[in-house]
Amino acid sequence: LRLSCAASGNIFLFNAMGWYRQAPGKQRGLVASITQGGTTEYA
């Protein structure tokens, strides 16, 4: 599957974007993140 997310509004308020997930009965946790410069982080 491929997820997409488009940001609008005051785009100067953020540098990093990412995805979190939450399964039933579990805490929300980071899946992956990426900065404007392309630095990534993965669970």
ModelCIF file with pLDDT and N, C-alpha, C, O atoms, coordinates in Angstrom:
data_MODEL
#
_entry.id   MODEL 
#
_entity.id                         1 
_entity.type                       polymer 
_entity.pdbx_number_of_molecules   1 
#
_entity_poly.entity_id                      1 
_entity_poly.type                           'polypeptide(L)' 
_entity_poly.nstd_linkage                   no 
_entity_poly.nstd_monomer                   no 
_entity_poly.pdbx_seq_one_letter_code       LRLSCAASGNIFLFNAMGWYRQAPGKQRGLVASITQGGTTEYA 
_entity_poly.pdbx_seq_one_letter_code_can   LRLSCAASGNIFLFNAMGWYRQAPGKQRGLVASITQGGTTEYA 
_entity_poly.pdbx_strand_id                 A 
#
loop_
_entity_poly_seq.entity_id 
_entity_poly_seq.num 
_entity_poly_seq.mon_id 
_entity_poly_seq.hetero 
1 1  LEU n 
1 2  ARG n 
1 3  LEU n 
1 4  SER n 
1 5  CYS n 
1 6  ALA n 
1 7  ALA n 
1 8  SER n 
1 9  GLY n 
1 10 ASN n 
1 11 ILE n 
1 12 PHE n 
1 13 LEU n 
1 14 PHE n 
1 15 ASN n 
1 16 ALA n 
1 17 MET n 
1 18 GLY n 
1 19 TRP n 
1 20 TYR n 
1 21 ARG n 
1 22 GLN n 
1 23 ALA n 
1 24 PRO n 
1 25 GLY n 
1 26 LYS n 
1 27 GLN n 
1 28 ARG n 
1 29 GLY n 
1 30 LEU n 
1 31 VAL n 
1 32 ALA n 
1 33 SER n 
1 34 ILE n 
1 35 THR n 
1 36 GLN n 
1 37 GLY n 
1 38 GLY n 
1 39 THR n 
1 40 THR n 
1 41 GLU n 
1 42 TYR n 
1 43 ALA n 
#
_struct_asym.id          A 
_struct_asym.entity_id   1 
#
loop_
_ma_qa_metric.id 
_ma_qa_metric.mode 
_ma_qa_metric.name 
_ma_qa_metric.software_group_id 
_ma_qa_metric.type 
1 global pLDDT . pLDDT 
2 local  pLDDT . pLDDT 
#
_ma_qa_metric_global.metric_id      1 
_ma_qa_metric_global.metric_value   94.60 
_ma_qa_metric_global.model_id       1 
_ma_qa_metric_global.ordinal_id     1 
#
loop_
_ma_qa_metric_local.label_asym_id 
_ma_qa_metric_local.label_comp_id 
_ma_qa_metric_local.label_seq_id 
_ma_qa_metric_local.metric_id 
_ma_qa_metric_local.metric_value 
_ma_qa_metric_local.model_id 
_ma_qa_metric_local.ordinal_id 
A LEU 1  2 98.00 1 1  
A ARG 2  2 98.00 1 2  
A LEU 3  2 98.00 1 3  
A SER 4  2 98.00 1 4  
A CYS 5  2 97.00 1 5  
A ALA 6  2 96.00 1 6  
A ALA 7  2 95.00 1 7  
A SER 8  2 91.00 1 8  
A GLY 9  2 90.00 1 9  
A ASN 10 2 86.00 1 10 
A ILE 11 2 82.00 1 11 
A PHE 12 2 83.00 1 12 
A LEU 13 2 84.00 1 13 
A PHE 14 2 88.00 1 14 
A ASN 15 2 91.00 1 15 
A ALA 16 2 95.00 1 16 
A MET 17 2 96.00 1 17 
A GLY 18 2 97.00 1 18 
A TRP 19 2 98.00 1 19 
A TYR 20 2 98.00 1 20 
A ARG 21 2 98.00 1 21 
A GLN 22 2 98.00 1 22 
A ALA 23 2 96.00 1 23 
A PRO 24 2 91.00 1 24 
A GLY 25 2 94.00 1 25 
A LYS 26 2 96.00 1 26 
A GLN 27 2 97.00 1 27 
A ARG 28 2 97.00 1 28 
A GLY 29 2 97.00 1 29 
A LEU 30 2 98.00 1 30 
A VAL 31 2 98.00 1 31 
A ALA 32 2 98.00 1 32 
A SER 33 2 98.00 1 33 
A ILE 34 2 97.00 1 34 
A THR 35 2 94.00 1 35 
A GLN 36 2 91.00 1 36 
A GLY 37 2 92.00 1 37 
A GLY 38 2 93.00 1 38 
A THR 39 2 96.00 1 39 
A THR 40 2 97.00 1 40 
A GLU 41 2 97.00 1 41 
A TYR 42 2 98.00 1 42 
A ALA 43 2 98.00 1 43 
#
loop_
_atom_site.group_PDB 
_atom_site.id 
_atom_site.type_symbol 
_atom_site.label_atom_id 
_atom_site.label_alt_id 
_atom_site.label_comp_id 
_atom_site.label_asym_id 
_atom_site.label_entity_id 
_atom_site.label_seq_id 
_atom_site.pdbx_PDB_ins_code 
_atom_site.Cartn_x 
_atom_site.Cartn_y 
_atom_site.Cartn_z 
_atom_site.occupancy 
_atom_site.B_iso_or_equiv 
_atom_site.pdbx_formal_charge 
_atom_site.auth_seq_id 
_atom_site.auth_comp_id 
_atom_site.auth_asym_id 
_atom_site.auth_atom_id 
_atom_site.pdbx_PDB_model_num 
ATOM 1   N N  . LEU A 1 1  ? 0.854  -1.178 0.000  1.00 98.00 ? 1  LEU A N  1 
ATOM 2   C CA . LEU A 1 1  ? 0.000  0.000  0.000  1.00 98.00 ? 1  LEU A CA 1 
ATOM 3   C C  . LEU A 1 1  ? 0.894  1.232  0.000  1.00 98.00 ? 1  LEU A C  1 
ATOM 4   O O  . LEU A 1 1  ? 2.040  1.183  0.447  1.00 98.00 ? 1  LEU A O  1 
ATOM 5   N N  . ARG A 1 2  ? 0.360  2.329  -0.503 1.00 98.00 ? 2  ARG A N  1 
ATOM 6   C CA . ARG A 1 2  ? 1.094  3.594  -0.474 1.00 98.00 ? 2  ARG A CA 1 
ATOM 7   C C  . ARG A 1 2  ? 0.220  4.663  0.152  1.00 98.00 ? 2  ARG A C  1 
ATOM 8   O O  . ARG A 1 2  ? -0.893 4.918  -0.307 1.00 98.00 ? 2  ARG A O  1 
ATOM 9   N N  . LEU A 1 3  ? 0.727  5.279  1.192  1.00 98.00 ? 3  LEU A N  1 
ATOM 10  C CA . LEU A 1 3  ? 0.029  6.374  1.860  1.00 98.00 ? 3  LEU A CA 1 
ATOM 11  C C  . LEU A 1 3  ? 0.602  7.706  1.373  1.00 98.00 ? 3  LEU A C  1 
ATOM 12  O O  . LEU A 1 3  ? 1.801  7.832  1.126  1.00 98.00 ? 3  LEU A O  1 
ATOM 13  N N  . SER A 1 4  ? -0.277 8.684  1.241  1.00 98.00 ? 4  SER A N  1 
ATOM 14  C CA . SER A 1 4  ? 0.137  10.030 0.872  1.00 98.00 ? 4  SER A CA 1 
ATOM 15  C C  . SER A 1 4  ? -0.416 11.023 1.873  1.00 98.00 ? 4  SER A C  1 
ATOM 16  O O  . SER A 1 4  ? -1.464 10.794 2.476  1.00 98.00 ? 4  SER A O  1 
ATOM 17  N N  . CYS A 1 5  ? 0.293  12.125 2.046  1.00 97.00 ? 5  CYS A N  1 
ATOM 18  C CA . CYS A 1 5  ? -0.168 13.164 2.964  1.00 97.00 ? 5  CYS A CA 1 
ATOM 19  C C  . CYS A 1 5  ? 0.291  14.513 2.434  1.00 97.00 ? 5  CYS A C  1 
ATOM 20  O O  . CYS A 1 5  ? 1.487  14.746 2.257  1.00 97.00 ? 5  CYS A O  1 
ATOM 21  N N  . ALA A 1 6  ? -0.667 15.400 2.183  1.00 96.00 ? 6  ALA A N  1 
ATOM 22  C CA . ALA A 1 6  ? -0.351 16.733 1.686  1.00 96.00 ? 6  ALA A CA 1 
ATOM 23  C C  . ALA A 1 6  ? -0.565 17.755 2.790  1.00 96.00 ? 6  ALA A C  1 
ATOM 24  O O  . ALA A 1 6  ? -1.613 17.780 3.435  1.00 96.00 ? 6  ALA A O  1 
ATOM 25  N N  . ALA A 1 7  ? 0.442  18.598 3.000  1.00 95.00 ? 7  ALA A N  1 
ATOM 26  C CA . ALA A 1 7  ? 0.362  19.649 4.013  1.00 95.00 ? 7  ALA A CA 1 
ATOM 27  C C  . ALA A 1 7  ? 0.025  20.981 3.364  1.00 95.00 ? 7  ALA A C  1 
ATOM 28  O O  . ALA A 1 7  ? 0.485  21.289 2.264  1.00 95.00 ? 7  ALA A O  1 
ATOM 29  N N  . SER A 1 8  ? -0.775 21.755 4.054  1.00 91.00 ? 8  SER A N  1 
ATOM 30  C CA . SER A 1 8  ? -1.098 23.108 3.592  1.00 91.00 ? 8  SER A CA 1 
ATOM 31  C C  . SER A 1 8  ? -1.164 24.029 4.803  1.00 91.00 ? 8  SER A C  1 
ATOM 32  O O  . SER A 1 8  ? -1.134 23.581 5.950  1.00 91.00 ? 8  SER A O  1 
ATOM 33  N N  . GLY A 1 9  ? -1.253 25.316 4.524  1.00 90.00 ? 9  GLY A N  1 
ATOM 34  C CA . GLY A 1 9  ? -1.289 26.286 5.612  1.00 90.00 ? 9  GLY A CA 1 
ATOM 35  C C  . GLY A 1 9  ? 0.065  26.927 5.790  1.00 90.00 ? 9  GLY A C  1 
ATOM 36  O O  . GLY A 1 9  ? 0.751  27.213 4.808  1.00 90.00 ? 9  GLY A O  1 
ATOM 37  N N  . ASN A 1 10 ? 0.462  27.159 7.032  1.00 86.00 ? 10 ASN A N  1 
ATOM 38  C CA . ASN A 1 10 ? 1.717  27.825 7.310  1.00 86.00 ? 10 ASN A CA 1 
ATOM 39  C C  . ASN A 1 10 ? 2.866  26.810 7.284  1.00 86.00 ? 10 ASN A C  1 
ATOM 40  O O  . ASN A 1 10 ? 3.255  26.260 8.315  1.00 86.00 ? 10 ASN A O  1 
ATOM 41  N N  . ILE A 1 11 ? 3.392  26.580 6.088  1.00 82.00 ? 11 ILE A N  1 
ATOM 42  C CA . ILE A 1 11 ? 4.402  25.515 5.918  1.00 82.00 ? 11 ILE A CA 1 
ATOM 43  C C  . ILE A 1 11 ? 5.728  25.871 6.573  1.00 82.00 ? 11 ILE A C  1 
ATOM 44  O O  . ILE A 1 11 ? 6.614  25.021 6.660  1.00 82.00 ? 11 ILE A O  1 
ATOM 45  N N  . PHE A 1 12 ? 5.883  27.100 7.034  1.00 83.00 ? 12 PHE A N  1 
ATOM 46  C CA . PHE A 1 12 ? 7.131  27.476 7.701  1.00 83.00 ? 12 PHE A CA 1 
ATOM 47  C C  . PHE A 1 12 ? 7.155  27.008 9.151  1.00 83.00 ? 12 PHE A C  1 
ATOM 48  O O  . PHE A 1 12 ? 8.151  27.199 9.849  1.00 83.00 ? 12 PHE A O  1 
ATOM 49  N N  . LEU A 1 13 ? 6.072  26.401 9.603  1.00 84.00 ? 13 LEU A N  1 
ATOM 50  C CA . LEU A 1 13 ? 5.995  25.924 10.977 1.00 84.00 ? 13 LEU A CA 1 
ATOM 51  C C  . LEU A 1 13 ? 6.559  24.524 11.157 1.00 84.00 ? 13 LEU A C  1 
ATOM 52  O O  . LEU A 1 13 ? 6.611  24.023 12.281 1.00 84.00 ? 13 LEU A O  1 
ATOM 53  N N  . PHE A 1 14 ? 6.986  23.875 10.064 1.00 88.00 ? 14 PHE A N  1 
ATOM 54  C CA . PHE A 1 14 ? 7.524  22.540 10.231 1.00 88.00 ? 14 PHE A CA 1 
ATOM 55  C C  . PHE A 1 14 ? 8.663  22.287 9.269  1.00 88.00 ? 14 PHE A C  1 
ATOM 56  O O  . PHE A 1 14 ? 8.743  22.884 8.196  1.00 88.00 ? 14 PHE A O  1 
ATOM 57  N N  . ASN A 1 15 ? 9.545  21.384 9.678  1.00 91.00 ? 15 ASN A N  1 
ATOM 58  C CA . ASN A 1 15 ? 10.649 20.907 8.850  1.00 91.00 ? 15 ASN A CA 1 
ATOM 59  C C  . ASN A 1 15 ? 10.489 19.403 8.615  1.00 91.00 ? 15 ASN A C  1 
ATOM 60  O O  . ASN A 1 15 ? 10.640 18.907 7.499  1.00 91.00 ? 15 ASN A O  1 
ATOM 61  N N  . ALA A 1 16 ? 10.181 18.699 9.697  1.00 95.00 ? 16 ALA A N  1 
ATOM 62  C CA . ALA A 1 16 ? 10.061 17.253 9.609  1.00 95.00 ? 16 ALA A CA 1 
ATOM 63  C C  . ALA A 1 16 ? 8.625  16.825 9.363  1.00 95.00 ? 16 ALA A C  1 
ATOM 64  O O  . ALA A 1 16 ? 7.683  17.435 9.870  1.00 95.00 ? 16 ALA A O  1 
ATOM 65  N N  . MET A 1 17 ? 8.474  15.772 8.581  1.00 96.00 ? 17 MET A N  1 
ATOM 66  C CA . MET A 1 17 ? 7.173  15.132 8.381  1.00 96.00 ? 17 MET A CA 1 
ATOM 67  C C  . MET A 1 17 ? 7.343  13.643 8.641  1.00 96.00 ? 17 MET A C  1 
ATOM 68  O O  . MET A 1 17 ? 8.448  13.106 8.556  1.00 96.00 ? 17 MET A O  1 
ATOM 69  N N  . GLY A 1 18 ? 6.244  12.993 8.954  1.00 97.00 ? 18 GLY A N  1 
ATOM 70  C CA . GLY A 1 18 ? 6.393  11.573 9.250  1.00 97.00 ? 18 GLY A CA 1 
ATOM 71  C C  . GLY A 1 18 ? 5.066  10.850 9.334  1.00 97.00 ? 18 GLY A C  1 
ATOM 72  O O  . GLY A 1 18 ? 3.997  11.409 9.084  1.00 97.00 ? 18 GLY A O  1 
ATOM 73  N N  . TRP A 1 19 ? 5.180  9.591  9.694  1.00 98.00 ? 19 TRP A N  1 
ATOM 74  C CA . TRP A 1 19 ? 4.019  8.724  9.888  1.00 98.00 ? 19 TRP A CA 1 
ATOM 75  C C  . TRP A 1 19 ? 4.148  8.019  11.230 1.00 98.00 ? 19 TRP A C  1 
ATOM 76  O O  . TRP A 1 19 ? 5.202  7.488  11.579 1.00 98.00 ? 19 TRP A O  1 
ATOM 77  N N  . TYR A 1 20 ? 3.053  8.031  11.966 1.00 98.00 ? 20 TYR A N  1 
ATOM 78  C CA . TYR A 1 20 ? 2.926  7.270  13.200 1.00 98.00 ? 20 TYR A CA 1 
ATOM 79  C C  . TYR A 1 20 ? 1.788  6.275  13.003 1.00 98.00 ? 20 TYR A C  1 
ATOM 80  O O  . TYR A 1 20 ? 0.969  6.434  12.098 1.00 98.00 ? 20 TYR A O  1 
ATOM 81  N N  . ARG A 1 21 ? 1.737  5.265  13.840 1.00 98.00 ? 21 ARG A N  1 
ATOM 82  C CA . ARG A 1 21 ? 0.625  4.332  13.786 1.00 98.00 ? 21 ARG A CA 1 
ATOM 83  C C  . ARG A 1 21 ? 0.205  3.924  15.191 1.00 98.00 ? 21 ARG A C  1 
ATOM 84  O O  . ARG A 1 21 ? 0.993  3.942  16.138 1.00 98.00 ? 21 ARG A O  1 
ATOM 85  N N  . GLN A 1 22 ? -1.072 3.554  15.287 1.00 98.00 ? 22 GLN A N  1 
ATOM 86  C CA . GLN A 1 22 ? -1.623 3.100  16.560 1.00 98.00 ? 22 GLN A CA 1 
ATOM 87  C C  . GLN A 1 22 ? -2.539 1.927  16.320 1.00 98.00 ? 22 GLN A C  1 
ATOM 88  O O  . GLN A 1 22 ? -3.545 2.042  15.621 1.00 98.00 ? 22 GLN A O  1 
ATOM 89  N N  . ALA A 1 23 ? -2.186 0.795  16.903 1.00 96.00 ? 23 ALA A N  1 
ATOM 90  C CA . ALA A 1 23 ? -3.014 -0.403 16.829 1.00 96.00 ? 23 ALA A CA 1 
ATOM 91  C C  . ALA A 1 23 ? -3.920 -0.434 18.054 1.00 96.00 ? 23 ALA A C  1 
ATOM 92  O O  . ALA A 1 23 ? -3.615 0.211  19.058 1.00 96.00 ? 23 ALA A O  1 
ATOM 93  N N  . PRO A 1 24 ? -5.019 -1.165 17.992 1.00 91.00 ? 24 PRO A N  1 
ATOM 94  C CA . PRO A 1 24 ? -5.940 -1.241 19.135 1.00 91.00 ? 24 PRO A CA 1 
ATOM 95  C C  . PRO A 1 24 ? -5.224 -1.705 20.399 1.00 91.00 ? 24 PRO A C  1 
ATOM 96  O O  . PRO A 1 24 ? -4.526 -2.719 20.388 1.00 91.00 ? 24 PRO A O  1 
ATOM 97  N N  . GLY A 1 25 ? -5.397 -0.965 21.479 1.00 94.00 ? 25 GLY A N  1 
ATOM 98  C CA . GLY A 1 25 ? -4.796 -1.333 22.749 1.00 94.00 ? 25 GLY A CA 1 
ATOM 99  C C  . GLY A 1 25 ? -3.326 -1.006 22.886 1.00 94.00 ? 25 GLY A C  1 
ATOM 100 O O  . GLY A 1 25 ? -2.704 -1.359 23.888 1.00 94.00 ? 25 GLY A O  1 
ATOM 101 N N  . LYS A 1 26 ? -2.757 -0.332 21.892 1.00 96.00 ? 26 LYS A N  1 
ATOM 102 C CA . LYS A 1 26 ? -1.330 0.003  21.933 1.00 96.00 ? 26 LYS A CA 1 
ATOM 103 C C  . LYS A 1 26 ? -1.125 1.508  21.827 1.00 96.00 ? 26 LYS A C  1 
ATOM 104 O O  . LYS A 1 26 ? -2.013 2.242  21.394 1.00 96.00 ? 26 LYS A O  1 
ATOM 105 N N  . GLN A 1 27 ? 0.054  1.951  22.228 1.00 97.00 ? 27 GLN A N  1 
ATOM 106 C CA . GLN A 1 27 ? 0.385  3.363  22.124 1.00 97.00 ? 27 GLN A CA 1 
ATOM 107 C C  . GLN A 1 27 ? 0.749  3.726  20.695 1.00 97.00 ? 27 GLN A C  1 
ATOM 108 O O  . GLN A 1 27 ? 1.207  2.890  19.916 1.00 97.00 ? 27 GLN A O  1 
ATOM 109 N N  . ARG A 1 28 ? 0.531  4.999  20.372 1.00 97.00 ? 28 ARG A N  1 
ATOM 110 C CA . ARG A 1 28 ? 0.945  5.496  19.066 1.00 97.00 ? 28 ARG A CA 1 
ATOM 111 C C  . ARG A 1 28 ? 2.469  5.538  19.019 1.00 97.00 ? 28 ARG A C  1 
ATOM 112 O O  . ARG A 1 28 ? 3.115  5.982  19.968 1.00 97.00 ? 28 ARG A O  1 
ATOM 113 N N  . GLY A 1 29 ? 3.039  5.071  17.904 1.00 97.00 ? 29 GLY A N  1 
ATOM 114 C CA . GLY A 1 29 ? 4.488  5.057  17.787 1.00 97.00 ? 29 GLY A CA 1 
ATOM 115 C C  . GLY A 1 29 ? 4.957  5.465  16.405 1.00 97.00 ? 29 GLY A C  1 
ATOM 116 O O  . GLY A 1 29 ? 4.214  5.364  15.429 1.00 97.00 ? 29 GLY A O  1 
ATOM 117 N N  . LEU A 1 30 ? 6.190  5.925  16.331 1.00 98.00 ? 30 LEU A N  1 
ATOM 118 C CA . LEU A 1 30 ? 6.756  6.375  15.068 1.00 98.00 ? 30 LEU A CA 1 
ATOM 119 C C  . LEU A 1 30 ? 6.944  5.208  14.113 1.00 98.00 ? 30 LEU A C  1 
ATOM 120 O O  . LEU A 1 30 ? 7.444  4.149  14.494 1.00 98.00 ? 30 LEU A O  1 
ATOM 121 N N  . VAL A 1 31 ? 6.539  5.415  12.867 1.00 98.00 ? 31 VAL A N  1 
ATOM 122 C CA . VAL A 1 31 ? 6.822  4.455  11.800 1.00 98.00 ? 31 VAL A CA 1 
ATOM 123 C C  . VAL A 1 31 ? 8.045  4.936  11.014 1.00 98.00 ? 31 VAL A C  1 
ATOM 124 O O  . VAL A 1 31 ? 9.010  4.193  10.833 1.00 98.00 ? 31 VAL A O  1 
ATOM 125 N N  . ALA A 1 32 ? 7.990  6.187  10.553 1.00 98.00 ? 32 ALA A N  1 
ATOM 126 C CA . ALA A 1 32 ? 9.095  6.743  9.782  1.00 98.00 ? 32 ALA A CA 1 
ATOM 127 C C  . ALA A 1 32 ? 8.974  8.260  9.766  1.00 98.00 ? 32 ALA A C  1 
ATOM 128 O O  . ALA A 1 32 ? 7.878  8.809  9.885  1.00 98.00 ? 32 ALA A O  1 
ATOM 129 N N  . SER A 1 33 ? 10.115 8.932  9.617  1.00 98.00 ? 33 SER A N  1 
ATOM 130 C CA . SER A 1 33 ? 10.110 10.378 9.517  1.00 98.00 ? 33 SER A CA 1 
ATOM 131 C C  . SER A 1 33 ? 11.141 10.820 8.493  1.00 98.00 ? 33 SER A C  1 
ATOM 132 O O  . SER A 1 33 ? 12.060 10.074 8.158  1.00 98.00 ? 33 SER A O  1 
ATOM 133 N N  . ILE A 1 34 ? 10.978 12.044 8.000  1.00 97.00 ? 34 ILE A N  1 
ATOM 134 C CA . ILE A 1 34 ? 11.901 12.582 7.015  1.00 97.00 ? 34 ILE A CA 1 
ATOM 135 C C  . ILE A 1 34 ? 11.960 14.095 7.172  1.00 97.00 ? 34 ILE A C  1 
ATOM 136 O O  . ILE A 1 34 ? 10.936 14.749 7.370  1.00 97.00 ? 34 ILE A O  1 
ATOM 137 N N  . THR A 1 35 ? 13.168 14.644 7.081  1.00 94.00 ? 35 THR A N  1 
ATOM 138 C CA . THR A 1 35 ? 13.329 16.090 7.162  1.00 94.00 ? 35 THR A CA 1 
ATOM 139 C C  . THR A 1 35 ? 13.313 16.695 5.763  1.00 94.00 ? 35 THR A C  1 
ATOM 140 O O  . THR A 1 35 ? 13.310 15.975 4.765  1.00 94.00 ? 35 THR A O  1 
ATOM 141 N N  . GLN A 1 36 ? 13.303 18.029 5.701  1.00 91.00 ? 36 GLN A N  1 
ATOM 142 C CA . GLN A 1 36 ? 13.359 18.687 4.396  1.00 91.00 ? 36 GLN A CA 1 
ATOM 143 C C  . GLN A 1 36 ? 14.638 18.326 3.670  1.00 91.00 ? 36 GLN A C  1 
ATOM 144 O O  . GLN A 1 36 ? 14.653 18.271 2.440  1.00 91.00 ? 36 GLN A O  1 
ATOM 145 N N  . GLY A 1 37 ? 15.709 18.080 4.403  1.00 92.00 ? 37 GLY A N  1 
ATOM 146 C CA . GLY A 1 37 ? 16.976 17.714 3.792  1.00 92.00 ? 37 GLY A CA 1 
ATOM 147 C C  . GLY A 1 37 ? 17.069 16.260 3.380  1.00 92.00 ? 37 GLY A C  1 
ATOM 148 O O  . GLY A 1 37 ? 18.053 15.845 2.767  1.00 92.00 ? 37 GLY A O  1 
ATOM 149 N N  . GLY A 1 38 ? 16.034 15.474 3.718  1.00 93.00 ? 38 GLY A N  1 
ATOM 150 C CA . GLY A 1 38 ? 16.009 14.084 3.288  1.00 93.00 ? 38 GLY A CA 1 
ATOM 151 C C  . GLY A 1 38 ? 16.516 13.076 4.305  1.00 93.00 ? 38 GLY A C  1 
ATOM 152 O O  . GLY A 1 38 ? 16.614 11.890 3.992  1.00 93.00 ? 38 GLY A O  1 
ATOM 153 N N  . THR A 1 39 ? 16.840 13.515 5.508  1.00 96.00 ? 39 THR A N  1 
ATOM 154 C CA . THR A 1 39 ? 17.265 12.580 6.542  1.00 96.00 ? 39 THR A CA 1 
ATOM 155 C C  . THR A 1 39 ? 16.069 11.767 7.010  1.00 96.00 ? 39 THR A C  1 
ATOM 156 O O  . THR A 1 39 ? 15.030 12.325 7.363  1.00 96.00 ? 39 THR A O  1 
ATOM 157 N N  . THR A 1 40 ? 16.215 10.456 7.012  1.00 97.00 ? 40 THR A N  1 
ATOM 158 C CA . THR A 1 40 ? 15.109 9.576  7.364  1.00 97.00 ? 40 THR A CA 1 
ATOM 159 C C  . THR A 1 40 ? 15.395 8.796  8.652  1.00 97.00 ? 40 THR A C  1 
ATOM 160 O O  . THR A 1 40 ? 16.541 8.594  9.054  1.00 97.00 ? 40 THR A O  1 
ATOM 161 N N  . GLU A 1 41 ? 14.309 8.376  9.266  1.00 97.00 ? 41 GLU A N  1 
ATOM 162 C CA . GLU A 1 41 ? 14.370 7.532  10.456 1.00 97.00 ? 41 GLU A CA 1 
ATOM 163 C C  . GLU A 1 41 ? 13.246 6.520  10.350 1.00 97.00 ? 41 GLU A C  1 
ATOM 164 O O  . GLU A 1 41 ? 12.140 6.866  9.936  1.00 97.00 ? 41 GLU A O  1 
ATOM 165 N N  . TYR A 1 42 ? 13.513 5.261  10.721 1.00 98.00 ? 42 TYR A N  1 
ATOM 166 C CA . TYR A 1 42 ? 12.509 4.211  10.648 1.00 98.00 ? 42 TYR A CA 1 
ATOM 167 C C  . TYR A 1 42 ? 12.429 3.445  11.955 1.00 98.00 ? 42 TYR A C  1 
ATOM 168 O O  . TYR A 1 42 ? 13.423 3.294  12.665 1.00 98.00 ? 42 TYR A O  1 
ATOM 169 N N  . ALA A 1 43 ? 11.232 2.962  12.264 1.00 98.00 ? 43 ALA A N  1 
ATOM 170 C CA . ALA A 1 43 ? 11.092 1.999  13.346 1.00 98.00 ? 43 ALA A CA 1 
ATOM 171 C C  . ALA A 1 43 ? 11.756 0.700  12.908 1.00 98.00 ? 43 ALA A C  1 
ATOM 172 O O  . ALA A 1 43 ? 11.767 -0.273 13.662 1.00 98.00 ? 43 ALA A O  1 
#
